[in-house]
């Protein structure tokens, strides 16, 4: 059985999850873990009941990323690198094949660089 890219690509979020735990950002880690769990459950099963939770948690991650950037005073170069991955993520999300989920990697890198902007 071949695992769909929209399922296995969630593994990229383990990187910012690990960094958030390492640097003591436990609320962020909890949000990221829940997003990882529900996104995987939704993409694995295609159950509509997980779709809303997945979307809400994704917005929480985005909001927390923006909050970390704000707290860091939009520290360069990390904030600029995160913005670059926002553009790359939109390219994958809107212009590439929608059945491929390479944009998950971009989203994970955005989260990682927002964390680094805050902690470094």
PDB file of N, CA and C in Angstrom:
ATOM      1  N   UNK A   1       0.841  -1.179   0.000  1.00  0.00           N
ATOM      2  CA  UNK A   1       0.000   0.000   0.000  1.00  0.00           C
ATOM      3  C   UNK A   1       0.888   1.245   0.000  1.00  0.00           C
ATOM      4  N   UNK A   2       0.622   2.137  -0.901  1.00  0.00           N
ATOM      5  CA  UNK A   2       1.372   3.383  -1.008  1.00  0.00           C
ATOM      6  C   UNK A   2       0.693   4.456  -0.160  1.00  0.00           C
ATOM      7  N   UNK A   3       1.461   5.095   0.718  1.00  0.00           N
ATOM      8  CA  UNK A   3       0.914   6.151   1.567  1.00  0.00           C
ATOM      9  C   UNK A   3       0.876   7.448   0.766  1.00  0.00           C
ATOM     10  N   UNK A   4      -0.253   8.133   0.807  1.00  0.00           N
ATOM     11  CA  UNK A   4      -0.433   9.368   0.060  1.00  0.00           C
ATOM     12  C   UNK A   4       0.506  10.455   0.582  1.00  0.00           C
ATOM     13  N   UNK A   5       0.946  11.327  -0.335  1.00  0.00           N
ATOM     14  CA  UNK A   5       1.866  12.391   0.056  1.00  0.00           C
ATOM     15  C   UNK A   5       1.231  13.337   1.064  1.00  0.00           C
ATOM     16  N   UNK A   6      -0.080  13.507   1.017  1.00  0.00           N
ATOM     17  CA  UNK A   6      -0.719  14.393   1.983  1.00  0.00           C
ATOM     18  C   UNK A   6      -0.697  13.813   3.393  1.00  0.00           C
ATOM     19  N   UNK A   7      -0.409  12.512   3.526  1.00  0.00           N
ATOM     20  CA  UNK A   7      -0.272  11.899   4.844  1.00  0.00           C
ATOM     21  C   UNK A   7       1.185  11.949   5.301  1.00  0.00           C
ATOM     22  N   UNK A   8       2.098  11.390   4.501  1.00  0.00           N
ATOM     23  CA  UNK A   8       3.489  11.317   4.957  1.00  0.00           C
ATOM     24  C   UNK A   8       4.152  12.676   5.032  1.00  0.00           C
ATOM     25  N   UNK A   9       3.667  13.657   4.252  1.00  0.00           N
ATOM     26  CA  UNK A   9       4.286  14.985   4.289  1.00  0.00           C
ATOM     27  C   UNK A   9       4.057  15.703   5.616  1.00  0.00           C
ATOM     28  N   UNK A  10       3.119  15.226   6.419  1.00  0.00           N
ATOM     29  CA  UNK A  10       2.929  15.792   7.753  1.00  0.00           C
ATOM     30  C   UNK A  10       4.146  15.542   8.645  1.00  0.00           C
ATOM     31  N   UNK A  11       4.977  14.571   8.295  1.00  0.00           N
ATOM     32  CA  UNK A  11       6.174  14.273   9.090  1.00  0.00           C
ATOM     33  C   UNK A  11       7.125  15.467   9.134  1.00  0.00           C
ATOM     34  N   UNK A  12       7.063  16.344   8.146  1.00  0.00           N
ATOM     35  CA  UNK A  12       7.917  17.537   8.163  1.00  0.00           C
ATOM     36  C   UNK A  12       7.662  18.396   9.402  1.00  0.00           C
ATOM     37  N   UNK A  13       6.449  18.341   9.928  1.00  0.00           N
ATOM     38  CA  UNK A  13       6.110  19.150  11.096  1.00  0.00           C
ATOM     39  C   UNK A  13       6.754  18.638  12.380  1.00  0.00           C
ATOM     40  N   UNK A  14       7.367  17.479  12.331  1.00  0.00           N
ATOM     41  CA  UNK A  14       8.089  16.993  13.500  1.00  0.00           C
ATOM     42  C   UNK A  14       9.319  17.861  13.806  1.00  0.00           C
ATOM     43  N   UNK A  15       9.873  18.493  12.784  1.00  0.00           N
ATOM     44  CA  UNK A  15      11.056  19.337  12.978  1.00  0.00           C
ATOM     45  C   UNK A  15      10.715  20.569  13.830  1.00  0.00           C
ATOM     46  N   UNK A  16       9.733  21.405  13.435  1.00  0.00           N
ATOM     47  CA  UNK A  16       9.417  22.534  14.319  1.00  0.00           C
ATOM     48  C   UNK A  16       8.844  22.085  15.661  1.00  0.00           C
ATOM     49  N   UNK A  17       8.175  20.944  15.690  1.00  0.00           N
ATOM     50  CA  UNK A  17       7.689  20.415  16.962  1.00  0.00           C
ATOM     51  C   UNK A  17       8.859  20.133  17.898  1.00  0.00           C
ATOM     52  N   UNK A  18       9.894  19.475  17.377  1.00  0.00           N
ATOM     53  CA  UNK A  18      11.076  19.187  18.186  1.00  0.00           C
ATOM     54  C   UNK A  18      11.778  20.454  18.658  1.00  0.00           C
ATOM     55  N   UNK A  19      11.912  21.439  17.771  1.00  0.00           N
ATOM     56  CA  UNK A  19      12.547  22.705  18.152  1.00  0.00           C
ATOM     57  C   UNK A  19      11.737  23.432  19.217  1.00  0.00           C
ATOM     58  N   UNK A  20      10.420  23.425  19.083  1.00  0.00           N
ATOM     59  CA  UNK A  20       9.591  24.115  20.073  1.00  0.00           C
ATOM     60  C   UNK A  20       9.694  23.444  21.437  1.00  0.00           C
ATOM     61  N   UNK A  21       9.785  22.133  21.466  1.00  0.00           N
ATOM     62  CA  UNK A  21       9.988  21.435  22.738  1.00  0.00           C
ATOM     63  C   UNK A  21      11.361  21.748  23.311  1.00  0.00           C
ATOM     64  N   UNK A  22      12.373  21.724  22.474  1.00  0.00           N
ATOM     65  CA  UNK A  22      13.744  21.975  22.916  1.00  0.00           C
ATOM     66  C   UNK A  22      13.875  23.372  23.528  1.00  0.00           C
ATOM     67  N   UNK A  23      13.240  24.355  22.928  1.00  0.00           N
ATOM     68  CA  UNK A  23      13.349  25.729  23.405  1.00  0.00           C
ATOM     69  C   UNK A  23      12.254  26.117  24.409  1.00  0.00           C
ATOM     70  N   UNK A  24      11.466  25.151  24.857  1.00  0.00           N
ATOM     71  CA  UNK A  24      10.494  25.401  25.908  1.00  0.00           C
ATOM     72  C   UNK A  24       9.251  26.145  25.485  1.00  0.00           C
ATOM     73  N   UNK A  25       8.913  26.099  24.218  1.00  0.00           N
ATOM     74  CA  UNK A  25       7.691  26.722  23.717  1.00  0.00           C
ATOM     75  C   UNK A  25       6.572  25.677  23.768  1.00  0.00           C
ATOM     76  N   UNK A  26       6.139  25.367  24.983  1.00  0.00           N
ATOM     77  CA  UNK A  26       5.259  24.223  25.183  1.00  0.00           C
ATOM     78  C   UNK A  26       3.847  24.434  24.639  1.00  0.00           C
ATOM     79  N   UNK A  27       3.320  25.643  24.714  1.00  0.00           N
ATOM     80  CA  UNK A  27       2.003  25.897  24.132  1.00  0.00           C
ATOM     81  C   UNK A  27       2.054  25.720  22.619  1.00  0.00           C
ATOM     82  N   UNK A  28       3.107  26.270  22.014  1.00  0.00           N
ATOM     83  CA  UNK A  28       3.285  26.113  20.572  1.00  0.00           C
ATOM     84  C   UNK A  28       3.442  24.634  20.220  1.00  0.00           C
ATOM     85  N   UNK A  29       4.218  23.905  21.021  1.00  0.00           N
ATOM     86  CA  UNK A  29       4.420  22.472  20.776  1.00  0.00           C
ATOM     87  C   UNK A  29       3.094  21.719  20.860  1.00  0.00           C
ATOM     88  N   UNK A  30       2.260  22.092  21.824  1.00  0.00           N
ATOM     89  CA  UNK A  30       0.969  21.421  21.964  1.00  0.00           C
ATOM     90  C   UNK A  30       0.088  21.689  20.746  1.00  0.00           C
ATOM     91  N   UNK A  31       0.058  22.946  20.289  1.00  0.00           N
ATOM     92  CA  UNK A  31      -0.734  23.287  19.106  1.00  0.00           C
ATOM     93  C   UNK A  31      -0.203  22.539  17.886  1.00  0.00           C
ATOM     94  N   UNK A  32       1.120  22.515  17.745  1.00  0.00           N
ATOM     95  CA  UNK A  32       1.740  21.828  16.607  1.00  0.00           C
ATOM     96  C   UNK A  32       1.451  20.321  16.654  1.00  0.00           C
ATOM     97  N   UNK A  33       1.531  19.722  17.833  1.00  0.00           N
ATOM     98  CA  UNK A  33       1.255  18.288  17.963  1.00  0.00           C
ATOM     99  C   UNK A  33      -0.200  17.976  17.612  1.00  0.00           C
ATOM    100  N   UNK A  34      -1.122  18.780  18.119  1.00  0.00           N
ATOM    101  CA  UNK A  34      -2.532  18.562  17.791  1.00  0.00           C
ATOM    102  C   UNK A  34      -2.780  18.745  16.296  1.00  0.00           C
ATOM    103  N   UNK A  35      -2.154  19.757  15.708  1.00  0.00           N
ATOM    104  CA  UNK A  35      -2.303  19.961  14.265  1.00  0.00           C
ATOM    105  C   UNK A  35      -1.750  18.772  13.496  1.00  0.00           C
ATOM    106  N   UNK A  36      -0.624  18.262  13.929  1.00  0.00           N
ATOM    107  CA  UNK A  36      -0.013  17.091  13.288  1.00  0.00           C
ATOM    108  C   UNK A  36      -0.932  15.871  13.388  1.00  0.00           C
ATOM    109  N   UNK A  37      -1.487  15.644  14.547  1.00  0.00           N
ATOM    110  CA  UNK A  37      -2.363  14.487  14.757  1.00  0.00           C
ATOM    111  C   UNK A  37      -3.632  14.603  13.915  1.00  0.00           C
ATOM    112  N   UNK A  38      -4.304  15.754  13.999  1.00  0.00           N
ATOM    113  CA  UNK A  38      -5.579  15.890  13.291  1.00  0.00           C
ATOM    114  C   UNK A  38      -5.399  16.012  11.781  1.00  0.00           C
ATOM    115  N   UNK A  39      -4.310  16.628  11.347  1.00  0.00           N
ATOM    116  CA  UNK A  39      -4.053  16.697   9.917  1.00  0.00           C
ATOM    117  C   UNK A  39      -3.792  15.304   9.349  1.00  0.00           C
ATOM    118  N   UNK A  40      -3.004  14.535  10.064  1.00  0.00           N
ATOM    119  CA  UNK A  40      -2.732  13.162   9.629  1.00  0.00           C
ATOM    120  C   UNK A  40      -4.017  12.338   9.622  1.00  0.00           C
ATOM    121  N   UNK A  41      -4.820  12.472  10.678  1.00  0.00           N
ATOM    122  CA  UNK A  41      -6.086  11.730  10.746  1.00  0.00           C
ATOM    123  C   UNK A  41      -7.015  12.131   9.605  1.00  0.00           C
ATOM    124  N   UNK A  42      -7.081  13.417   9.326  1.00  0.00           N
ATOM    125  CA  UNK A  42      -7.958  13.883   8.249  1.00  0.00           C
ATOM    126  C   UNK A  42      -7.481  13.381   6.886  1.00  0.00           C
ATOM    127  N   UNK A  43      -6.198  13.538   6.608  1.00  0.00           N
ATOM    128  CA  UNK A  43      -5.697  13.146   5.295  1.00  0.00           C
ATOM    129  C   UNK A  43      -5.649  11.625   5.123  1.00  0.00           C
ATOM    130  N   UNK A  44      -5.513  10.900   6.204  1.00  0.00           N
ATOM    131  CA  UNK A  44      -5.489   9.443   6.133  1.00  0.00           C
ATOM    132  C   UNK A  44      -6.891   8.910   5.864  1.00  0.00           C
ATOM    133  N   UNK A  45      -7.873   9.457   6.579  1.00  0.00           N
ATOM    134  CA  UNK A  45      -9.222   8.898   6.507  1.00  0.00           C
ATOM    135  C   UNK A  45     -10.173   9.685   5.615  1.00  0.00           C
ATOM    136  N   UNK A  46      -9.865  10.933   5.329  1.00  0.00           N
ATOM    137  CA  UNK A  46     -10.748  11.840   4.583  1.00  0.00           C
ATOM    138  C   UNK A  46     -12.087  12.058   5.281  1.00  0.00           C
ATOM    139  N   UNK A  47     -12.102  11.839   6.593  1.00  0.00           N
ATOM    140  CA  UNK A  47     -13.314  12.082   7.383  1.00  0.00           C
ATOM    141  C   UNK A  47     -13.552  13.579   7.514  1.00  0.00           C
ATOM    142  N   UNK A  48     -14.715  14.015   7.156  1.00  0.00           N
ATOM    143  CA  UNK A  48     -15.045  15.438   7.201  1.00  0.00           C
ATOM    144  C   UNK A  48     -15.017  15.989   8.622  1.00  0.00           C
ATOM    145  N   UNK A  49     -15.233  15.134   9.621  1.00  0.00           N
ATOM    146  CA  UNK A  49     -15.242  15.618  11.004  1.00  0.00           C
ATOM    147  C   UNK A  49     -13.868  16.120  11.438  1.00  0.00           C
ATOM    148  N   UNK A  50     -12.803  15.643  10.791  1.00  0.00           N
ATOM    149  CA  UNK A  50     -11.460  16.114  11.124  1.00  0.00           C
ATOM    150  C   UNK A  50     -11.063  17.358  10.326  1.00  0.00           C
ATOM    151  N   UNK A  51     -11.767  17.640   9.252  1.00  0.00           N
ATOM    152  CA  UNK A  51     -11.389  18.747   8.369  1.00  0.00           C
ATOM    153  C   UNK A  51     -11.458  20.097   9.074  1.00  0.00           C
ATOM    154  N   UNK A  52     -12.524  20.352   9.798  1.00  0.00           N
ATOM    155  CA  UNK A  52     -12.671  21.635  10.481  1.00  0.00           C
ATOM    156  C   UNK A  52     -11.606  21.797  11.561  1.00  0.00           C
ATOM    157  N   UNK A  53     -11.379  20.749  12.327  1.00  0.00           N
ATOM    158  CA  UNK A  53     -10.352  20.809  13.379  1.00  0.00           C
ATOM    159  C   UNK A  53      -8.978  21.037  12.756  1.00  0.00           C
ATOM    160  N   UNK A  54      -8.686  20.352  11.663  1.00  0.00           N
ATOM    161  CA  UNK A  54      -7.416  20.526  10.957  1.00  0.00           C
ATOM    162  C   UNK A  54      -7.248  21.976  10.521  1.00  0.00           C
ATOM    163  N   UNK A  55      -8.277  22.557   9.960  1.00  0.00           N
ATOM    164  CA  UNK A  55      -8.206  23.938   9.476  1.00  0.00           C
ATOM    165  C   UNK A  55      -8.032  24.927  10.627  1.00  0.00           C
ATOM    166  N   UNK A  56      -8.781  24.736  11.696  1.00  0.00           N
ATOM    167  CA  UNK A  56      -8.676  25.633  12.858  1.00  0.00           C
ATOM    168  C   UNK A  56      -7.275  25.568  13.462  1.00  0.00           C
ATOM    169  N   UNK A  57      -6.741  24.365  13.611  1.00  0.00           N
ATOM    170  CA  UNK A  57      -5.402  24.227  14.173  1.00  0.00           C
ATOM    171  C   UNK A  57      -4.340  24.808  13.250  1.00  0.00           C
ATOM    172  N   UNK A  58      -4.537  24.696  11.945  1.00  0.00           N
ATOM    173  CA  UNK A  58      -3.597  25.316  11.002  1.00  0.00           C
ATOM    174  C   UNK A  58      -3.604  26.830  11.186  1.00  0.00           C
ATOM    175  N   UNK A  59      -4.770  27.420  11.401  1.00  0.00           N
ATOM    176  CA  UNK A  59      -4.842  28.862  11.644  1.00  0.00           C
ATOM    177  C   UNK A  59      -4.173  29.234  12.973  1.00  0.00           C
ATOM    178  N   UNK A  60      -4.299  28.377  13.975  1.00  0.00           N
ATOM    179  CA  UNK A  60      -3.603  28.618  15.244  1.00  0.00           C
ATOM    180  C   UNK A  60      -2.086  28.602  15.046  1.00  0.00           C
ATOM    181  N   UNK A  61      -1.598  27.662  14.257  1.00  0.00           N
ATOM    182  CA  UNK A  61      -0.160  27.605  13.973  1.00  0.00           C
ATOM    183  C   UNK A  61       0.285  28.873  13.250  1.00  0.00           C
ATOM    184  N   UNK A  62      -0.482  29.304  12.261  1.00  0.00           N
ATOM    185  CA  UNK A  62      -0.156  30.530  11.529  1.00  0.00           C
ATOM    186  C   UNK A  62      -0.148  31.723  12.487  1.00  0.00           C
ATOM    187  N   UNK A  63      -1.167  31.809  13.313  1.00  0.00           N
ATOM    188  CA  UNK A  63      -1.239  32.911  14.275  1.00  0.00           C
ATOM    189  C   UNK A  63      -0.083  32.907  15.250  1.00  0.00           C
ATOM    190  N   UNK A  64       0.284  31.725  15.730  1.00  0.00           N
ATOM    191  CA  UNK A  64       1.401  31.637  16.673  1.00  0.00           C
ATOM    192  C   UNK A  64       2.711  31.974  15.976  1.00  0.00           C
ATOM    193  N   UNK A  65       2.856  31.580  14.716  1.00  0.00           N
ATOM    194  CA  UNK A  65       4.050  31.958  13.955  1.00  0.00           C
ATOM    195  C   UNK A  65       4.159  33.484  13.856  1.00  0.00           C
ATOM    196  N   UNK A  66       3.063  34.131  13.539  1.00  0.00           N
ATOM    197  CA  UNK A  66       3.063  35.595  13.466  1.00  0.00           C
ATOM    198  C   UNK A  66       3.378  36.220  14.822  1.00  0.00           C
ATOM    199  N   UNK A  67       2.852  35.634  15.881  1.00  0.00           N
ATOM    200  CA  UNK A  67       3.114  36.123  17.233  1.00  0.00           C
ATOM    201  C   UNK A  67       4.598  35.996  17.578  1.00  0.00           C
ATOM    202  N   UNK A  68       5.198  34.866  17.243  1.00  0.00           N
ATOM    203  CA  UNK A  68       6.635  34.687  17.493  1.00  0.00           C
ATOM    204  C   UNK A  68       7.458  35.701  16.709  1.00  0.00           C
ATOM    205  N   UNK A  69       7.082  35.960  15.474  1.00  0.00           N
ATOM    206  CA  UNK A  69       7.792  36.967  14.673  1.00  0.00           C
ATOM    207  C   UNK A  69       7.641  38.351  15.283  1.00  0.00           C
ATOM    208  N   UNK A  70       6.459  38.652  15.762  1.00  0.00           N
ATOM    209  CA  UNK A  70       6.232  39.935  16.430  1.00  0.00           C
ATOM    210  C   UNK A  70       7.107  40.060  17.670  1.00  0.00           C
ATOM    211  N   UNK A  71       7.130  39.015  18.495  1.00  0.00           N
ATOM    212  CA  UNK A  71       7.942  39.045  19.711  1.00  0.00           C
ATOM    213  C   UNK A  71       9.427  39.172  19.401  1.00  0.00           C
ATOM    214  N   UNK A  72       9.836  38.674  18.258  1.00  0.00           N
ATOM    215  CA  UNK A  72      11.246  38.742  17.879  1.00  0.00           C
ATOM    216  C   UNK A  72      11.589  40.055  17.171  1.00  0.00           C
ATOM    217  N   UNK A  73      10.598  40.944  17.035  1.00  0.00           N
ATOM    218  CA  UNK A  73      10.762  42.178  16.259  1.00  0.00           C
ATOM    219  C   UNK A  73      11.126  41.882  14.809  1.00  0.00           C
ATOM    220  N   UNK A  74      10.573  40.789  14.299  1.00  0.00           N
ATOM    221  CA  UNK A  74      10.761  40.385  12.898  1.00  0.00           C
ATOM    222  C   UNK A  74      12.254  40.281  12.552  1.00  0.00           C
ATOM    223  N   UNK A  75      12.954  39.560  13.426  1.00  0.00           N
ATOM    224  CA  UNK A  75      14.414  39.432  13.335  1.00  0.00           C
ATOM    225  C   UNK A  75      14.848  38.831  12.004  1.00  0.00           C
ATOM    226  N   UNK A  76      15.794  39.542  11.400  1.00  0.00           N
ATOM    227  CA  UNK A  76      16.384  39.069  10.143  1.00  0.00           C
ATOM    228  C   UNK A  76      17.593  38.212  10.455  1.00  0.00           C
ATOM    229  N   UNK A  77      17.928  37.245   9.677  1.00  0.00           N
ATOM    230  CA  UNK A  77      17.350  36.870   8.397  1.00  0.00           C
ATOM    231  C   UNK A  77      16.197  35.883   8.529  1.00  0.00           C
ATOM    232  N   UNK A  78      15.891  35.432   9.764  1.00  0.00           N
ATOM    233  CA  UNK A  78      14.914  34.357   9.942  1.00  0.00           C
ATOM    234  C   UNK A  78      13.530  34.736   9.435  1.00  0.00           C
ATOM    235  N   UNK A  79      13.096  35.952   9.733  1.00  0.00           N
ATOM    236  CA  UNK A  79      11.782  36.386   9.270  1.00  0.00           C
ATOM    237  C   UNK A  79      11.734  36.435   7.748  1.00  0.00           C
ATOM    238  N   UNK A  80      12.781  36.933   7.122  1.00  0.00           N
ATOM    239  CA  UNK A  80      12.817  37.013   5.658  1.00  0.00           C
ATOM    240  C   UNK A  80      12.841  35.623   5.022  1.00  0.00           C
ATOM    241  N   UNK A  81      13.547  34.702   5.652  1.00  0.00           N
ATOM    242  CA  UNK A  81      13.560  33.323   5.144  1.00  0.00           C
ATOM    243  C   UNK A  81      12.169  32.711   5.277  1.00  0.00           C
ATOM    244  N   UNK A  82      11.499  32.987   6.404  1.00  0.00           N
ATOM    245  CA  UNK A  82      10.120  32.494   6.578  1.00  0.00           C
ATOM    246  C   UNK A  82       9.213  33.057   5.492  1.00  0.00           C
ATOM    247  N   UNK A  83       9.357  34.347   5.177  1.00  0.00           N
ATOM    248  CA  UNK A  83       8.556  34.953   4.106  1.00  0.00           C
ATOM    249  C   UNK A  83       8.841  34.311   2.751  1.00  0.00           C
ATOM    250  N   UNK A  84      10.103  33.965   2.522  1.00  0.00           N
ATOM    251  CA  UNK A  84      10.458  33.298   1.269  1.00  0.00           C
ATOM    252  C   UNK A  84       9.723  31.956   1.174  1.00  0.00           C
ATOM    253  N   UNK A  85       9.674  31.219   2.301  1.00  0.00           N
ATOM    254  CA  UNK A  85       8.971  29.939   2.278  1.00  0.00           C
ATOM    255  C   UNK A  85       7.455  30.105   2.205  1.00  0.00           C
ATOM    256  N   UNK A  86       6.936  31.249   2.640  1.00  0.00           N
ATOM    257  CA  UNK A  86       5.512  31.535   2.432  1.00  0.00           C
ATOM    258  C   UNK A  86       5.231  31.592   0.928  1.00  0.00           C
ATOM    259  N   UNK A  87       6.083  32.296   0.196  1.00  0.00           N
ATOM    260  CA  UNK A  87       5.916  32.392  -1.266  1.00  0.00           C
ATOM    261  C   UNK A  87       6.045  31.025  -1.928  1.00  0.00           C
ATOM    262  N   UNK A  88       7.024  30.260  -1.504  1.00  0.00           N
ATOM    263  CA  UNK A  88       7.217  28.913  -2.056  1.00  0.00           C
ATOM    264  C   UNK A  88       6.013  28.032  -1.731  1.00  0.00           C
ATOM    265  N   UNK A  89       5.512  28.139  -0.502  1.00  0.00           N
ATOM    266  CA  UNK A  89       4.338  27.359  -0.105  1.00  0.00           C
ATOM    267  C   UNK A  89       3.117  27.687  -0.935  1.00  0.00           C
ATOM    268  N   UNK A  90       2.907  28.989  -1.205  1.00  0.00           N
ATOM    269  CA  UNK A  90       1.781  29.375  -2.056  1.00  0.00           C
ATOM    270  C   UNK A  90       1.950  28.844  -3.471  1.00  0.00           C
ATOM    271  N   UNK A  91       3.171  28.826  -3.959  1.00  0.00           N
ATOM    272  CA  UNK A  91       3.410  28.252  -5.290  1.00  0.00           C
ATOM    273  C   UNK A  91       2.974  26.789  -5.314  1.00  0.00           C
ATOM    274  N   UNK A  92       3.427  26.032  -4.333  1.00  0.00           N
ATOM    275  CA  UNK A  92       3.062  24.607  -4.298  1.00  0.00           C
ATOM    276  C   UNK A  92       1.570  24.413  -4.077  1.00  0.00           C
ATOM    277  N   UNK A  93       0.980  25.249  -3.223  1.00  0.00           N
ATOM    278  CA  UNK A  93      -0.442  25.092  -2.901  1.00  0.00           C
ATOM    279  C   UNK A  93      -1.346  25.434  -4.076  1.00  0.00           C
ATOM    280  N   UNK A  94      -1.028  26.500  -4.803  1.00  0.00           N
ATOM    281  CA  UNK A  94      -1.947  26.988  -5.828  1.00  0.00           C
ATOM    282  C   UNK A  94      -1.553  26.664  -7.271  1.00  0.00           C
ATOM    283  N   UNK A  95      -0.274  26.395  -7.523  1.00  0.00           N
ATOM    284  CA  UNK A  95       0.141  26.196  -8.914  1.00  0.00           C
ATOM    285  C   UNK A  95       0.582  24.779  -9.236  1.00  0.00           C
ATOM    286  N   UNK A  96       0.982  24.031  -8.253  1.00  0.00           N
ATOM    287  CA  UNK A  96       1.370  22.646  -8.490  1.00  0.00           C
ATOM    288  C   UNK A  96       0.134  21.758  -8.409  1.00  0.00           C
ATOM    289  N   UNK A  97       0.342  20.486  -8.656  1.00  0.00           N
ATOM    290  CA  UNK A  97      -0.732  19.502  -8.562  1.00  0.00           C
ATOM    291  C   UNK A  97      -1.288  19.480  -7.139  1.00  0.00           C
ATOM    292  N   UNK A  98      -2.574  19.713  -6.994  1.00  0.00           N
ATOM    293  CA  UNK A  98      -3.181  19.783  -5.668  1.00  0.00           C
ATOM    294  C   UNK A  98      -3.175  18.442  -4.929  1.00  0.00           C
ATOM    295  N   UNK A  99      -2.927  17.355  -5.629  1.00  0.00           N
ATOM    296  CA  UNK A  99      -2.860  16.063  -4.965  1.00  0.00           C
ATOM    297  C   UNK A  99      -1.507  15.829  -4.308  1.00  0.00           C
ATOM    298  N   UNK A 100      -0.527  16.664  -4.631  1.00  0.00           N
ATOM    299  CA  UNK A 100       0.782  16.580  -3.991  1.00  0.00           C
ATOM    300  C   UNK A 100       0.834  17.607  -2.881  1.00  0.00           C
ATOM    301  N   UNK A 101       1.502  17.269  -1.824  1.00  0.00           N
ATOM    302  CA  UNK A 101       1.495  18.131  -0.652  1.00  0.00           C
ATOM    303  C   UNK A 101       2.898  18.595  -0.292  1.00  0.00           C
ATOM    304  N   UNK A 102       3.688  19.006  -1.304  1.00  0.00           N
ATOM    305  CA  UNK A 102       5.010  19.542  -1.026  1.00  0.00           C
ATOM    306  C   UNK A 102       4.923  20.809  -0.180  1.00  0.00           C
ATOM    307  N   UNK A 103       3.794  21.488  -0.241  1.00  0.00           N
ATOM    308  CA  UNK A 103       3.658  22.721   0.520  1.00  0.00           C
ATOM    309  C   UNK A 103       3.701  22.467   2.018  1.00  0.00           C
ATOM    310  N   UNK A 104       3.450  21.232   2.469  1.00  0.00           N
ATOM    311  CA  UNK A 104       3.610  20.912   3.887  1.00  0.00           C
ATOM    312  C   UNK A 104       5.049  21.159   4.328  1.00  0.00           C
ATOM    313  N   UNK A 105       6.020  20.839   3.470  1.00  0.00           N
ATOM    314  CA  UNK A 105       7.431  21.081   3.803  1.00  0.00           C
ATOM    315  C   UNK A 105       7.672  22.577   3.954  1.00  0.00           C
ATOM    316  N   UNK A 106       7.108  23.377   3.073  1.00  0.00           N
ATOM    317  CA  UNK A 106       7.261  24.830   3.183  1.00  0.00           C
ATOM    318  C   UNK A 106       6.641  25.350   4.472  1.00  0.00           C
ATOM    319  N   UNK A 107       5.484  24.840   4.819  1.00  0.00           N
ATOM    320  CA  UNK A 107       4.824  25.276   6.056  1.00  0.00           C
ATOM    321  C   UNK A 107       5.646  24.910   7.285  1.00  0.00           C
ATOM    322  N   UNK A 108       6.225  23.733   7.273  1.00  0.00           N
ATOM    323  CA  UNK A 108       7.072  23.319   8.390  1.00  0.00           C
ATOM    324  C   UNK A 108       8.307  24.211   8.487  1.00  0.00           C
ATOM    325  N   UNK A 109       8.886  24.574   7.353  1.00  0.00           N
ATOM    326  CA  UNK A 109      10.052  25.455   7.366  1.00  0.00           C
ATOM    327  C   UNK A 109       9.678  26.875   7.810  1.00  0.00           C
ATOM    328  N   UNK A 110       8.501  27.336   7.456  1.00  0.00           N
ATOM    329  CA  UNK A 110       8.026  28.631   7.948  1.00  0.00           C
ATOM    330  C   UNK A 110       7.979  28.601   9.468  1.00  0.00           C
ATOM    331  N   UNK A 111       7.387  27.555  10.015  1.00  0.00           N
ATOM    332  CA  UNK A 111       7.297  27.423  11.469  1.00  0.00           C
ATOM    333  C   UNK A 111       8.682  27.375  12.102  1.00  0.00           C
ATOM    334  N   UNK A 112       9.575  26.616  11.496  1.00  0.00           N
ATOM    335  CA  UNK A 112      10.931  26.503  12.032  1.00  0.00           C
ATOM    336  C   UNK A 112      11.620  27.862  12.071  1.00  0.00           C
ATOM    337  N   UNK A 113      11.544  28.633  11.002  1.00  0.00           N
ATOM    338  CA  UNK A 113      12.230  29.923  10.974  1.00  0.00           C
ATOM    339  C   UNK A 113      11.553  30.959  11.861  1.00  0.00           C
ATOM    340  N   UNK A 114      10.257  30.844  12.095  1.00  0.00           N
ATOM    341  CA  UNK A 114       9.596  31.718  13.061  1.00  0.00           C
ATOM    342  C   UNK A 114      10.078  31.394  14.474  1.00  0.00           C
ATOM    343  N   UNK A 115      10.239  30.126  14.786  1.00  0.00           N
ATOM    344  CA  UNK A 115      10.781  29.729  16.078  1.00  0.00           C
ATOM    345  C   UNK A 115      12.203  30.256  16.232  1.00  0.00           C
ATOM    346  N   UNK A 116      13.025  30.071  15.208  1.00  0.00           N
ATOM    347  CA  UNK A 116      14.414  30.535  15.278  1.00  0.00           C
ATOM    348  C   UNK A 116      14.495  32.053  15.422  1.00  0.00           C
ATOM    349  N   UNK A 117      13.609  32.776  14.747  1.00  0.00           N
ATOM    350  CA  UNK A 117      13.592  34.229  14.898  1.00  0.00           C
ATOM    351  C   UNK A 117      13.353  34.620  16.352  1.00  0.00           C
ATOM    352  N   UNK A 118      12.528  33.852  17.032  1.00  0.00           N
ATOM    353  CA  UNK A 118      12.196  34.162  18.423  1.00  0.00           C
ATOM    354  C   UNK A 118      13.302  33.755  19.400  1.00  0.00           C
ATOM    355  N   UNK A 119      13.886  32.598  19.200  1.00  0.00           N
ATOM    356  CA  UNK A 119      14.811  32.064  20.220  1.00  0.00           C
ATOM    357  C   UNK A 119      16.267  32.464  20.005  1.00  0.00           C
ATOM    358  N   UNK A 120      16.624  32.877  18.798  1.00  0.00           N
ATOM    359  CA  UNK A 120      18.036  33.210  18.549  1.00  0.00           C
ATOM    360  C   UNK A 120      18.214  34.716  18.548  1.00  0.00           C
TER     361      UNK A 120
END
